[in-house]
Amino acid sequence: METIAPTPVHPADVAALFRPFSLNHLTLPNRIVMAPMTRQKSPESVPGPDVAAYYRRRAENEVGLIITEGTTVDHPVSSMDVNVPNFFGDALTGWRRVVEEVHAAGGKIAPQLWHVGSARNPKGNVHNAHLGSASPSGLVKPGKRVFESMEESDIKLVVRAFADGARNARELGFDAVEIHGAHGYLVDQFFWSGLNERTDTYGGDLEGRSRLAVEIVEAMRREVGPDYPVILRFSQWKLQDYDAKLAQTADELQAFLQPLVRAGVDAFHCSQRRFWQPEFEGSDLNLAGWVKKLTGKPTISVGSVGLSGDFIAGFAGESSENARLDGLIERLERDEFDLVAIGRALLVDPAWARKIHEGRYDELQPFSKEALATLS
């Protein structure tokens, strides 16, 4: 099995990664974020002591902010697998243990609240298999209609479920909360014209297609108050179409973002397949750089950081010198974005951040697909 080697850096290069940062009322010790990565290691959707230990190991090794794997909100068809953790009911006891373990190690942590929408296959290993899946227009990909369009009453239930999740996060002691609005899952299915063909107030132009997310953010903000960090993760690309774009230009991106800022988003987690790629012609700014420029809000950049290939091509052995950390550090030093999310490098090596800080580059562990089988 081919592995993806970590990228080399020099000790002097990494100082920018270890500057403190404040997000709303939350102070982080450095700029390193653990990216949310689905693990499917929570039997019957309840995270156990092994999940708590998994996150604690990252907190013990200088990760500034941990964003958990996607955790599903309290809606009958929110999850795609019974081993994906819930964020309601019995699962909350397990998440309380996670928070306690991370805080005992001096870490900060946020849950990512998730609804998978039409990515859920009712014939799979899912809860409520007798129910069809939720989506704005019943589409699983452009042109392929499988389910019924969501009724407005069901949309309101989803909004309520996200708000309840935010309230639970604060009550459990989490330090912030993130909405999964990326990669072709439910919130992003509403964003994307490829899957949203609605003609009511939740469809139409990009502003209409953003209404679900705006209502979710507003409802969450009412539950957690003004001082609690609310993060929105979004992407241009989709699992259904890597070349998709919500916004073709900077002006369109600004029009998309402003209602979300007004609703109460504190930071945008900007997912790209490759962090080094410019988002629009005529500028070398990546997606996170453009979002920060247009909104003034803090941004998290993510996309193949710390690996020698992007997170999809890497499985096939493709690599790129562009993924080197020195290019990332240069962007961070000029404040193109504020925080850096690390995915697979942290999945396989819980001490990645500490090793980078201490210059122990020869000890970095390469990623291979076998790492997905365990909670290392």
Protein backbone atom coordinates (compact mmCIF):
# COMPACT_ATOMS: atom_id res chain seq x y z
CA MET A 1 0.00 0.00 0.00
CA GLU A 2 1.45 3.36 -1.01
CA THR A 3 1.83 5.93 1.71
CA ILE A 4 1.77 9.71 1.49
CA ALA A 5 4.94 11.17 2.92
CA PRO A 6 4.86 14.25 5.16
CA THR A 7 6.38 17.40 3.73
CA PRO A 8 9.65 18.81 5.05
CA VAL A 9 9.98 22.25 6.62
CA HIS A 10 12.71 24.11 8.47
CA PRO A 11 12.39 25.02 12.17
CA ALA A 12 12.43 28.77 11.59
CA ASP A 13 9.53 28.46 9.17
CA VAL A 14 6.87 27.40 11.64
CA ALA A 15 6.72 30.29 14.13
CA ALA A 16 3.58 31.72 12.50
CA LEU A 17 1.73 28.50 13.26
CA PHE A 18 2.28 28.95 16.98
CA ARG A 19 1.04 32.50 17.49
CA PRO A 20 -2.06 32.81 19.73
CA PHE A 21 -5.37 33.80 18.19
CA SER A 22 -8.71 35.04 19.54
CA LEU A 23 -12.03 33.98 18.04
CA ASN A 24 -14.92 35.88 19.55
CA HIS A 25 -14.34 35.30 23.29
CA LEU A 26 -12.21 32.16 22.75
CA THR A 27 -8.42 32.41 22.99
CA LEU A 28 -6.46 29.73 21.16
CA PRO A 29 -2.79 29.01 21.91
CA ASN A 30 -1.85 28.62 18.25
CA ARG A 31 -3.19 28.53 14.69
CA ILE A 32 -3.47 24.74 14.30
CA VAL A 33 -6.96 23.27 13.99
CA MET A 34 -7.80 19.58 13.79
CA ALA A 35 -10.10 19.25 10.79
CA PRO A 36 -13.32 17.24 11.19
CA MET A 37 -12.88 13.72 9.82
CA THR A 38 -15.60 11.08 9.82
CA ARG A 39 -14.43 8.01 11.73
CA GLN A 40 -17.53 5.77 12.14
CA LYS A 41 -16.19 4.45 15.46
CA SER A 42 -19.22 5.17 17.65
CA PRO A 43 -21.40 2.01 17.84
CA GLU A 44 -25.10 2.86 17.80
CA SER A 45 -24.03 6.49 17.36
CA VAL A 46 -22.67 6.89 20.91
CA PRO A 47 -18.99 7.93 21.29
CA GLY A 48 -17.16 5.78 23.81
CA PRO A 49 -14.01 6.18 25.95
CA ASP A 50 -11.84 5.35 22.91
CA VAL A 51 -13.23 8.38 21.09
CA ALA A 52 -12.50 10.59 24.09
CA ALA A 53 -8.95 9.26 24.27
CA TYR A 54 -8.49 9.83 20.53
CA TYR A 55 -9.28 13.53 20.87
CA ARG A 56 -7.34 13.90 24.11
CA ARG A 57 -4.15 12.69 22.39
CA ARG A 58 -4.39 15.59 19.94
CA ALA A 59 -5.04 18.09 22.75
CA GLU A 60 -1.98 16.79 24.60
CA ASN A 61 0.15 17.45 21.54
CA GLU A 62 -0.46 21.16 20.89
CA VAL A 63 -3.49 21.19 18.60
CA GLY A 64 -4.95 24.65 19.22
CA LEU A 65 -8.57 23.82 18.39
CA ILE A 66 -10.09 20.40 17.77
CA ILE A 67 -13.16 20.26 15.54
CA THR A 68 -14.78 16.89 15.98
CA GLU A 69 -15.87 14.51 13.30
CA GLY A 70 -19.31 15.29 11.94
CA THR A 71 -21.96 14.66 14.61
CA THR A 72 -25.54 14.33 13.44
CA VAL A 73 -28.34 16.56 14.62
CA ASP A 74 -31.66 15.35 16.03
CA HIS A 75 -33.58 14.68 12.83
CA PRO A 76 -34.78 11.18 11.81
CA VAL A 77 -32.70 10.99 8.62
CA SER A 78 -29.67 13.13 9.48
CA SER A 79 -27.11 10.30 9.56
CA MET A 80 -25.58 8.07 6.89
CA ASP A 81 -24.37 5.29 9.21
CA VAL A 82 -25.27 3.97 12.66
CA ASN A 83 -21.60 4.20 13.69
CA VAL A 84 -21.43 7.95 13.06
CA PRO A 85 -21.95 9.73 16.39
CA ASN A 86 -25.14 11.60 17.16
CA PHE A 87 -25.24 14.90 19.01
CA PHE A 88 -28.41 14.26 20.99
CA GLY A 89 -29.89 11.70 23.37
CA ASP A 90 -27.61 9.03 24.84
CA ALA A 91 -24.66 10.28 22.78
CA LEU A 92 -24.41 13.47 24.86
CA THR A 93 -23.01 11.55 27.82
CA GLY A 94 -20.20 10.33 25.60
CA TRP A 95 -19.56 13.83 24.28
CA ARG A 96 -19.39 15.19 27.82
CA ARG A 97 -16.58 12.70 28.46
CA VAL A 98 -14.82 13.92 25.30
CA VAL A 99 -14.98 17.54 26.48
CA GLU A 100 -13.69 16.63 29.94
CA GLU A 101 -10.75 14.68 28.51
CA VAL A 102 -9.77 17.42 26.06
CA HIS A 103 -10.03 20.14 28.69
CA ALA A 104 -8.03 18.07 31.18
CA ALA A 105 -5.24 18.05 28.59
CA GLY A 106 -5.50 21.83 28.17
CA GLY A 107 -7.21 21.70 24.79
CA LYS A 108 -10.12 23.51 23.12
CA ILE A 109 -12.82 21.68 21.20
CA ALA A 110 -15.90 22.32 19.02
CA PRO A 111 -18.41 19.81 17.67
CA GLN A 112 -19.26 19.86 14.00
CA LEU A 113 -23.04 19.62 13.59
CA TRP A 114 -24.04 17.65 10.51
CA HIS A 115 -27.01 16.58 8.43
CA VAL A 116 -26.05 14.47 5.43
CA GLY A 117 -29.23 15.09 3.43
CA SER A 118 -29.57 12.97 0.30
CA ALA A 119 -26.07 11.51 0.78
CA ARG A 120 -27.85 9.06 3.10
CA ASN A 121 -28.70 5.76 1.44
CA PRO A 122 -31.81 4.27 3.12
CA LYS A 123 -30.60 0.82 2.03
CA GLY A 124 -27.37 1.23 3.98
CA ASN A 125 -26.49 0.75 7.64
CA VAL A 126 -28.70 3.60 8.80
CA HIS A 127 -31.23 4.54 11.44
CA ASN A 128 -34.87 4.70 10.29
CA ALA A 129 -34.24 2.77 7.09
CA HIS A 130 -37.97 2.88 6.33
CA LEU A 131 -37.74 6.65 5.73
CA GLY A 132 -36.54 8.39 2.60
CA SER A 133 -33.70 10.88 2.86
CA ALA A 134 -34.01 14.66 3.11
CA SER A 135 -32.95 17.08 0.39
CA PRO A 136 -34.09 20.38 -1.08
CA SER A 137 -35.36 18.88 -4.34
CA GLY A 138 -35.01 15.11 -3.97
CA LEU A 139 -31.78 15.01 -6.00
CA VAL A 140 -28.73 12.91 -5.11
CA LYS A 141 -26.72 14.51 -7.91
CA PRO A 142 -27.64 16.91 -10.69
CA GLY A 143 -30.33 15.34 -12.83
CA LYS A 144 -30.88 12.27 -10.61
CA ARG A 145 -34.04 12.56 -8.50
CA VAL A 146 -34.54 9.80 -5.93
CA PHE A 147 -36.42 11.34 -3.00
CA GLU A 148 -39.24 13.77 -2.40
CA SER A 149 -38.46 17.45 -1.91
CA MET A 150 -38.50 18.57 1.70
CA GLU A 151 -41.65 20.24 2.95
CA GLU A 152 -41.19 23.62 4.61
CA SER A 153 -42.37 22.12 7.90
CA ASP A 154 -39.51 19.60 7.76
CA ILE A 155 -37.03 22.36 6.97
CA LYS A 156 -38.13 24.11 10.17
CA LEU A 157 -37.46 20.88 12.11
CA VAL A 158 -33.92 20.80 10.73
CA VAL A 159 -33.34 24.41 11.77
CA ARG A 160 -34.56 23.54 15.26
CA ALA A 161 -32.30 20.48 15.39
CA PHE A 162 -29.20 22.56 14.65
CA ALA A 163 -30.23 25.12 17.27
CA ASP A 164 -30.71 22.36 19.85
CA GLY A 165 -27.29 21.01 18.95
CA ALA A 166 -25.69 24.40 19.55
CA ARG A 167 -27.41 24.68 22.93
CA ASN A 168 -26.20 21.19 23.84
CA ALA A 169 -22.66 22.12 22.80
CA ARG A 170 -22.57 25.10 25.13
CA GLU A 171 -24.20 23.21 28.01
CA LEU A 172 -21.69 20.35 27.67
CA GLY A 173 -18.79 22.78 27.88
CA PHE A 174 -17.62 22.80 24.26
CA ASP A 175 -15.65 25.94 23.41
CA ALA A 176 -17.33 26.68 20.06
CA VAL A 177 -19.61 25.03 17.51
CA GLU A 178 -19.31 24.43 13.76
CA ILE A 179 -21.99 23.91 11.11
CA HIS A 180 -21.14 21.50 8.30
CA GLY A 181 -22.21 23.46 5.25
CA ALA A 182 -19.78 21.89 2.76
CA HIS A 183 -19.11 18.99 0.40
CA GLY A 184 -22.62 18.38 -0.89
CA TYR A 185 -24.38 17.52 2.38
CA LEU A 186 -27.75 18.97 3.36
CA VAL A 187 -26.89 22.63 4.07
CA ASP A 188 -24.67 22.68 1.00
CA GLN A 189 -27.36 20.94 -1.05
CA PHE A 190 -29.51 24.00 -0.44
CA PHE A 191 -26.60 26.31 -1.38
CA TRP A 192 -25.91 24.53 -4.66
CA SER A 193 -28.11 25.08 -7.72
CA GLY A 194 -27.12 21.62 -8.94
CA LEU A 195 -29.25 20.05 -6.19
CA ASN A 196 -31.60 22.89 -5.27
CA GLU A 197 -34.32 23.44 -7.86
CA ARG A 198 -36.85 24.89 -5.43
CA THR A 199 -39.02 27.82 -6.46
CA ASP A 200 -40.05 28.89 -2.95
CA THR A 201 -38.11 31.12 -0.55
CA TYR A 202 -35.49 28.38 -0.03
CA GLY A 203 -34.54 28.28 -3.71
CA GLY A 204 -33.95 30.53 -6.67
CA ASP A 205 -30.86 32.74 -6.58
CA LEU A 206 -27.92 32.19 -4.25
CA GLU A 207 -29.46 34.42 -1.59
CA GLY A 208 -32.60 32.30 -1.56
CA ARG A 209 -30.60 29.09 -1.55
CA SER A 210 -28.71 30.40 1.49
CA ARG A 211 -31.87 30.95 3.52
CA LEU A 212 -31.67 27.59 5.31
CA ALA A 213 -28.14 28.30 6.52
CA VAL A 214 -29.07 31.84 7.57
CA GLU A 215 -32.01 30.54 9.60
CA ILE A 216 -29.80 27.88 11.20
CA VAL A 217 -27.18 30.44 12.21
CA GLU A 218 -29.80 32.84 13.58
CA ALA A 219 -31.49 30.06 15.58
CA MET A 220 -28.15 28.83 16.95
CA ARG A 221 -27.15 32.36 17.90
CA ARG A 222 -30.37 32.78 19.87
CA GLU A 223 -29.50 29.66 21.84
CA VAL A 224 -25.82 30.35 22.58
CA GLY A 225 -25.75 34.15 22.87
CA PRO A 226 -23.41 36.67 21.26
CA ASP A 227 -20.13 35.61 22.90
CA TYR A 228 -20.01 31.95 21.80
CA PRO A 229 -18.04 31.23 18.61
CA VAL A 230 -20.12 29.92 15.69
CA ILE A 231 -18.14 28.61 12.71
CA LEU A 232 -19.50 27.72 9.27
CA ARG A 233 -17.64 25.29 7.07
CA PHE A 234 -18.37 25.63 3.36
CA SER A 235 -16.82 24.61 0.07
CA GLN A 236 -17.11 25.44 -3.59
CA TRP A 237 -16.45 21.80 -4.63
CA LYS A 238 -18.87 18.95 -3.91
CA LEU A 239 -18.43 15.23 -3.51
CA GLN A 240 -20.86 14.96 -6.41
CA ASP A 241 -18.82 17.39 -8.57
CA TYR A 242 -15.27 18.44 -7.75
CA ASP A 243 -15.47 21.33 -10.22
CA ALA A 244 -18.69 22.86 -8.86
CA LYS A 245 -18.72 26.47 -7.70
CA LEU A 246 -21.30 28.34 -5.67
CA ALA A 247 -19.69 31.62 -6.69
CA GLN A 248 -17.95 32.18 -10.02
CA THR A 249 -16.61 35.62 -9.07
CA ALA A 250 -15.54 37.55 -6.00
CA ASP A 251 -18.69 39.67 -6.25
CA GLU A 252 -20.88 36.56 -6.20
CA LEU A 253 -18.91 35.21 -3.24
CA GLN A 254 -19.43 38.45 -1.33
CA ALA A 255 -23.17 38.36 -2.03
CA PHE A 256 -23.27 34.80 -0.71
CA LEU A 257 -21.31 35.56 2.45
CA GLN A 258 -22.88 38.81 3.66
CA PRO A 259 -26.25 37.34 4.80
CA LEU A 260 -24.34 34.70 6.74
CA VAL A 261 -22.20 37.34 8.42
CA ARG A 262 -25.31 39.30 9.36
CA ALA A 263 -26.89 36.13 10.76
CA GLY A 264 -24.00 35.72 13.19
CA VAL A 265 -21.17 33.61 11.75
CA ASP A 266 -17.93 34.35 13.61
CA ALA A 267 -15.55 32.48 11.32
CA PHE A 268 -15.61 30.66 8.00
CA HIS A 269 -13.91 27.29 7.56
CA CYS A 270 -13.07 27.32 3.86
CA SER A 271 -12.59 23.87 2.39
CA GLN A 272 -10.48 23.43 -0.73
CA ARG A 273 -9.04 20.24 -2.12
CA ARG A 274 -5.67 22.02 -2.39
CA PHE A 275 -5.02 25.05 -0.18
CA TRP A 276 -2.42 26.47 -2.56
CA GLN A 277 -4.77 26.95 -5.50
CA PRO A 278 -6.01 30.49 -6.27
CA GLU A 279 -9.79 30.80 -6.07
CA PHE A 280 -10.29 33.37 -8.84
CA GLU A 281 -8.20 34.49 -11.79
CA GLY A 282 -6.09 37.59 -11.28
CA SER A 283 -5.18 36.91 -7.65
CA ASP A 284 -3.20 34.25 -5.81
CA LEU A 285 -5.58 34.37 -2.81
CA ASN A 286 -7.06 31.00 -1.94
CA LEU A 287 -10.69 30.59 -0.85
CA ALA A 288 -9.97 31.43 2.79
CA GLY A 289 -8.00 34.48 1.69
CA TRP A 290 -10.86 35.79 -0.40
CA VAL A 291 -13.42 35.18 2.33
CA LYS A 292 -11.34 37.08 4.88
CA LYS A 293 -10.82 39.96 2.42
CA LEU A 294 -14.52 40.20 1.59
CA THR A 295 -15.99 39.81 5.09
CA GLY A 296 -13.28 40.85 7.53
CA LYS A 297 -14.12 37.69 9.47
CA PRO A 298 -11.49 35.16 10.62
CA THR A 299 -11.00 32.24 8.27
CA ILE A 300 -9.68 28.70 8.52
CA SER A 301 -7.86 27.35 5.48
CA VAL A 302 -7.90 23.61 4.82
CA GLY A 303 -6.94 21.31 1.97
CA SER A 304 -4.08 18.78 1.89
CA VAL A 305 -2.01 20.64 4.49
CA GLY A 306 1.09 18.78 5.62
CA LEU A 307 0.92 16.10 2.93
CA SER A 308 2.68 15.70 -0.40
CA GLY A 309 -0.58 15.30 -2.31
CA ASP A 310 -4.18 16.44 -2.16
CA PHE A 311 -6.59 14.46 -0.01
CA ILE A 312 -8.27 12.73 -2.94
CA ALA A 313 -5.41 12.28 -5.39
CA GLY A 314 -3.18 11.11 -2.55
CA PHE A 315 -5.04 7.83 -2.33
CA ALA A 316 -3.89 7.12 -5.89
CA GLY A 317 -0.28 8.08 -5.17
CA GLU A 318 -0.40 11.51 -6.83
CA SER A 319 1.78 14.11 -5.13
CA SER A 320 2.57 17.79 -5.38
CA GLU A 321 5.41 19.97 -4.18
CA ASN A 322 2.82 22.74 -3.71
CA ALA A 323 1.62 21.03 -0.54
CA ARG A 324 4.86 21.84 1.27
CA LEU A 325 4.35 23.67 4.55
CA ASP A 326 6.69 26.51 3.62
CA GLY A 327 4.13 27.87 1.12
CA LEU A 328 1.42 27.62 3.76
CA ILE A 329 3.54 29.47 6.33
CA GLU A 330 4.20 32.31 3.90
CA ARG A 331 0.46 32.80 3.45
CA LEU A 332 -0.14 32.67 7.19
CA GLU A 333 2.63 35.18 7.85
CA ARG A 334 0.99 37.71 5.54
CA ASP A 335 -2.38 37.08 7.25
CA GLU A 336 -4.08 35.77 4.12
CA PHE A 337 -6.06 33.62 6.58
CA ASP A 338 -5.94 33.09 10.33
CA LEU A 339 -6.08 29.40 11.16
CA VAL A 340 -4.97 26.21 9.43
CA ALA A 341 -6.92 22.96 9.61
CA ILE A 342 -4.96 19.71 9.43
CA GLY A 343 -6.76 16.55 8.37
CA ARG A 344 -5.07 13.28 7.47
CA ALA A 345 -1.68 14.27 8.88
CA LEU A 346 -3.31 14.56 12.32
CA LEU A 347 -5.48 11.51 11.80
CA VAL A 348 -2.45 9.25 11.49
CA ASP A 349 -0.11 11.13 13.84
CA PRO A 350 -1.62 12.63 17.02
CA ALA A 351 1.71 14.32 17.81
CA TRP A 352 1.99 16.04 14.42
CA ALA A 353 1.70 19.57 15.85
CA ARG A 354 4.22 18.98 18.63
CA LYS A 355 6.68 17.36 16.25
CA ILE A 356 6.41 20.32 13.87
CA HIS A 357 6.89 22.77 16.76
CA GLU A 358 9.95 20.91 18.03
CA GLY A 359 11.48 20.34 14.59
CA ARG A 360 11.16 16.55 14.80
CA TYR A 361 10.37 16.21 11.12
CA ASP A 362 12.06 12.86 10.71
CA GLU A 363 9.54 11.44 13.21
CA LEU A 364 6.42 12.48 11.27
CA GLN A 365 4.32 9.49 10.33
CA PRO A 366 3.25 9.01 6.71
CA PHE A 367 -0.44 8.58 5.95
CA SER A 368 -1.87 5.39 4.51
CA LYS A 369 -5.44 4.20 4.12
CA GLU A 370 -4.90 1.63 6.87
CA ALA A 371 -4.94 4.50 9.37
CA LEU A 372 -8.68 4.88 8.77
CA ALA A 373 -9.31 1.52 10.43
CA THR A 374 -8.23 2.59 13.92
CA LEU A 375 -8.47 5.49 16.37
CA SER A 376 -4.74 6.04 16.76
